Amino acid sequence: MATKKHKKRLLVGGNRIKEVNRLIRLARTKWNAHENAACRRERERAMALYETLEPDERQQVPQVLRVWLRYRSEKYFGEGRKGNGANS
């Protein structure tokens, strides 16, 4: 069984792009199901992997997914984002 480090090394080229797409779609599914913690976790994974892509590889990620990732990242998960008040 591959470890997490080993699994990341296996993701090269098209496999990384497919994995980014999969993670963004999974985060969108969690968002639509109102599973915020799971959405945040998958979005963070997608962002981390997306940041490793070269600029030309980023263009291969569908624009709809890129826009969703950027919009959710800035609006709902940005640095200045406050909680809902429940944990205050």
C-alpha atoms as a PDB file:
ATOM      1  CA  MET A   1       0.000   0.000   0.000  1.00  0.00           C
ATOM      2  CA  ALA A   2       1.377   3.410  -0.947  1.00  0.00           C
ATOM      3  CA  THR A   3       1.951   6.005   1.732  1.00  0.00           C
ATOM      4  CA  LYS A   4       0.782   9.584   1.366  1.00  0.00           C
ATOM      5  CA  LYS A   5       4.279  10.778   0.437  1.00  0.00           C
ATOM      6  CA  HIS A   6       4.649   8.007  -2.104  1.00  0.00           C
ATOM      7  CA  LYS A   7       1.195   8.700  -3.528  1.00  0.00           C
ATOM      8  CA  LYS A   8       2.067  12.367  -4.117  1.00  0.00           C
ATOM      9  CA  ARG A   9       5.172  11.346  -6.034  1.00  0.00           C
ATOM     10  CA  LEU A  10       3.054   9.197  -8.325  1.00  0.00           C
ATOM     11  CA  LEU A  11       0.942  12.165  -9.367  1.00  0.00           C
ATOM     12  CA  VAL A  12       2.719  13.586 -12.404  1.00  0.00           C
ATOM     13  CA  GLY A  13       1.472  15.307 -15.521  1.00  0.00           C
ATOM     14  CA  GLY A  14      -2.081  14.411 -16.431  1.00  0.00           C
ATOM     15  CA  ASN A  15      -2.626  12.481 -13.216  1.00  0.00           C
ATOM     16  CA  ARG A  16      -2.101  15.623 -11.128  1.00  0.00           C
ATOM     17  CA  ILE A  17      -4.573  17.539 -13.275  1.00  0.00           C
ATOM     18  CA  LYS A  18      -7.142  14.734 -12.961  1.00  0.00           C
ATOM     19  CA  GLU A  19      -6.636  14.636  -9.195  1.00  0.00           C
ATOM     20  CA  VAL A  20      -7.101  18.410  -8.882  1.00  0.00           C
ATOM     21  CA  ASN A  21     -10.312  18.161 -10.903  1.00  0.00           C
ATOM     22  CA  ARG A  22     -11.526  15.282  -8.741  1.00  0.00           C
ATOM     23  CA  LEU A  23     -10.771  17.117  -5.493  1.00  0.00           C
ATOM     24  CA  ILE A  24     -12.512  20.302  -6.631  1.00  0.00           C
ATOM     25  CA  ARG A  25     -15.568  18.344  -7.734  1.00  0.00           C
ATOM     26  CA  LEU A  26     -15.586  16.501  -4.407  1.00  0.00           C
ATOM     27  CA  ALA A  27     -15.355  19.814  -2.520  1.00  0.00           C
ATOM     28  CA  ARG A  28     -18.253  21.172  -4.590  1.00  0.00           C
ATOM     29  CA  THR A  29     -20.317  18.104  -3.737  1.00  0.00           C
ATOM     30  CA  LYS A  30     -19.566  18.570  -0.035  1.00  0.00           C
ATOM     31  CA  TRP A  31     -20.430  22.278  -0.325  1.00  0.00           C
ATOM     32  CA  ASN A  32     -23.792  21.524  -1.919  1.00  0.00           C
ATOM     33  CA  ALA A  33     -24.510  18.978   0.828  1.00  0.00           C
ATOM     34  CA  HIS A  34     -23.703  21.642   3.485  1.00  0.00           C
ATOM     35  CA  GLU A  35     -20.822  19.569   4.838  1.00  0.00           C
ATOM     36  CA  ASN A  36     -18.606  22.553   5.564  1.00  0.00           C
ATOM     37  CA  ALA A  37     -15.762  20.850   7.391  1.00  0.00           C
ATOM     38  CA  ALA A  38     -15.435  18.196   4.697  1.00  0.00           C
ATOM     39  CA  CYS A  39     -15.638  20.867   2.008  1.00  0.00           C
ATOM     40  CA  ARG A  40     -12.872  22.872   3.671  1.00  0.00           C
ATOM     41  CA  ARG A  41     -10.659  19.782   3.927  1.00  0.00           C
ATOM     42  CA  GLU A  42     -11.096  18.833   0.270  1.00  0.00           C
ATOM     43  CA  ARG A  43     -10.704  22.430  -0.871  1.00  0.00           C
ATOM     44  CA  GLU A  44      -7.417  22.730   1.017  1.00  0.00           C
ATOM     45  CA  ARG A  45      -6.177  19.527  -0.600  1.00  0.00           C
ATOM     46  CA  ALA A  46      -7.230  20.779  -4.023  1.00  0.00           C
ATOM     47  CA  MET A  47      -5.573  24.162  -3.466  1.00  0.00           C
ATOM     48  CA  ALA A  48      -2.328  22.559  -2.307  1.00  0.00           C
ATOM     49  CA  LEU A  49      -2.186  20.334  -5.364  1.00  0.00           C
ATOM     50  CA  TYR A  50      -3.344  23.129  -7.683  1.00  0.00           C
ATOM     51  CA  GLU A  51      -0.470  25.305  -6.464  1.00  0.00           C
ATOM     52  CA  THR A  52       2.008  22.635  -7.609  1.00  0.00           C
ATOM     53  CA  LEU A  53       0.771  22.828 -11.206  1.00  0.00           C
ATOM     54  CA  GLU A  54       2.677  24.784 -13.837  1.00  0.00           C
ATOM     55  CA  PRO A  55       0.813  27.707 -15.467  1.00  0.00           C
ATOM     56  CA  ASP A  56       0.158  25.748 -18.663  1.00  0.00           C
ATOM     57  CA  GLU A  57      -1.134  22.799 -16.619  1.00  0.00           C
ATOM     58  CA  ARG A  58      -3.470  25.115 -14.719  1.00  0.00           C
ATOM     59  CA  GLN A  59      -5.089  26.061 -18.010  1.00  0.00           C
ATOM     60  CA  GLN A  60      -6.031  22.399 -18.466  1.00  0.00           C
ATOM     61  CA  VAL A  61      -8.225  22.514 -15.355  1.00  0.00           C
ATOM     62  CA  PRO A  62     -11.735  23.449 -16.561  1.00  0.00           C
ATOM     63  CA  GLN A  63     -12.503  27.122 -16.043  1.00  0.00           C
ATOM     64  CA  VAL A  64     -15.686  26.343 -14.114  1.00  0.00           C
ATOM     65  CA  LEU A  65     -13.647  24.453 -11.519  1.00  0.00           C
ATOM     66  CA  ARG A  66     -10.923  27.111 -11.347  1.00  0.00           C
ATOM     67  CA  VAL A  67     -13.503  29.859 -10.814  1.00  0.00           C
ATOM     68  CA  TRP A  68     -15.301  27.870  -8.117  1.00  0.00           C
ATOM     69  CA  LEU A  69     -12.040  27.134  -6.308  1.00  0.00           C
ATOM     70  CA  ARG A  70     -10.920  30.760  -6.399  1.00  0.00           C
ATOM     71  CA  TYR A  71     -14.352  32.153  -5.451  1.00  0.00           C
ATOM     72  CA  ARG A  72     -14.821  29.825  -2.507  1.00  0.00           C
ATOM     73  CA  SER A  73     -11.240  30.330  -1.408  1.00  0.00           C
ATOM     74  CA  GLU A  74     -11.489  34.110  -1.270  1.00  0.00           C
ATOM     75  CA  LYS A  75     -15.056  34.625  -0.146  1.00  0.00           C
ATOM     76  CA  TYR A  76     -15.658  31.833   2.335  1.00  0.00           C
ATOM     77  CA  PHE A  77     -12.267  30.500   3.352  1.00  0.00           C
ATOM     78  CA  GLY A  78     -10.012  33.580   3.121  1.00  0.00           C
ATOM     79  CA  GLU A  79      -7.703  34.841   5.841  1.00  0.00           C
ATOM     80  CA  GLY A  80     -10.069  37.574   7.020  1.00  0.00           C
ATOM     81  CA  ARG A  81     -13.067  35.244   7.183  1.00  0.00           C
ATOM     82  CA  LYS A  82     -14.704  35.105  10.586  1.00  0.00           C
ATOM     83  CA  GLY A  83     -16.619  32.114  11.835  1.00  0.00           C
ATOM     84  CA  ASN A  84     -20.369  31.926  12.194  1.00  0.00           C
ATOM     85  CA  GLY A  85     -20.182  33.030  15.809  1.00  0.00           C
ATOM     86  CA  ALA A  86     -20.810  29.587  17.252  1.00  0.00           C
ATOM     87  CA  ASN A  87     -17.177  29.118  18.270  1.00  0.00           C
ATOM     88  CA  SER A  88     -16.620  32.656  19.542  1.00  0.00           C
END
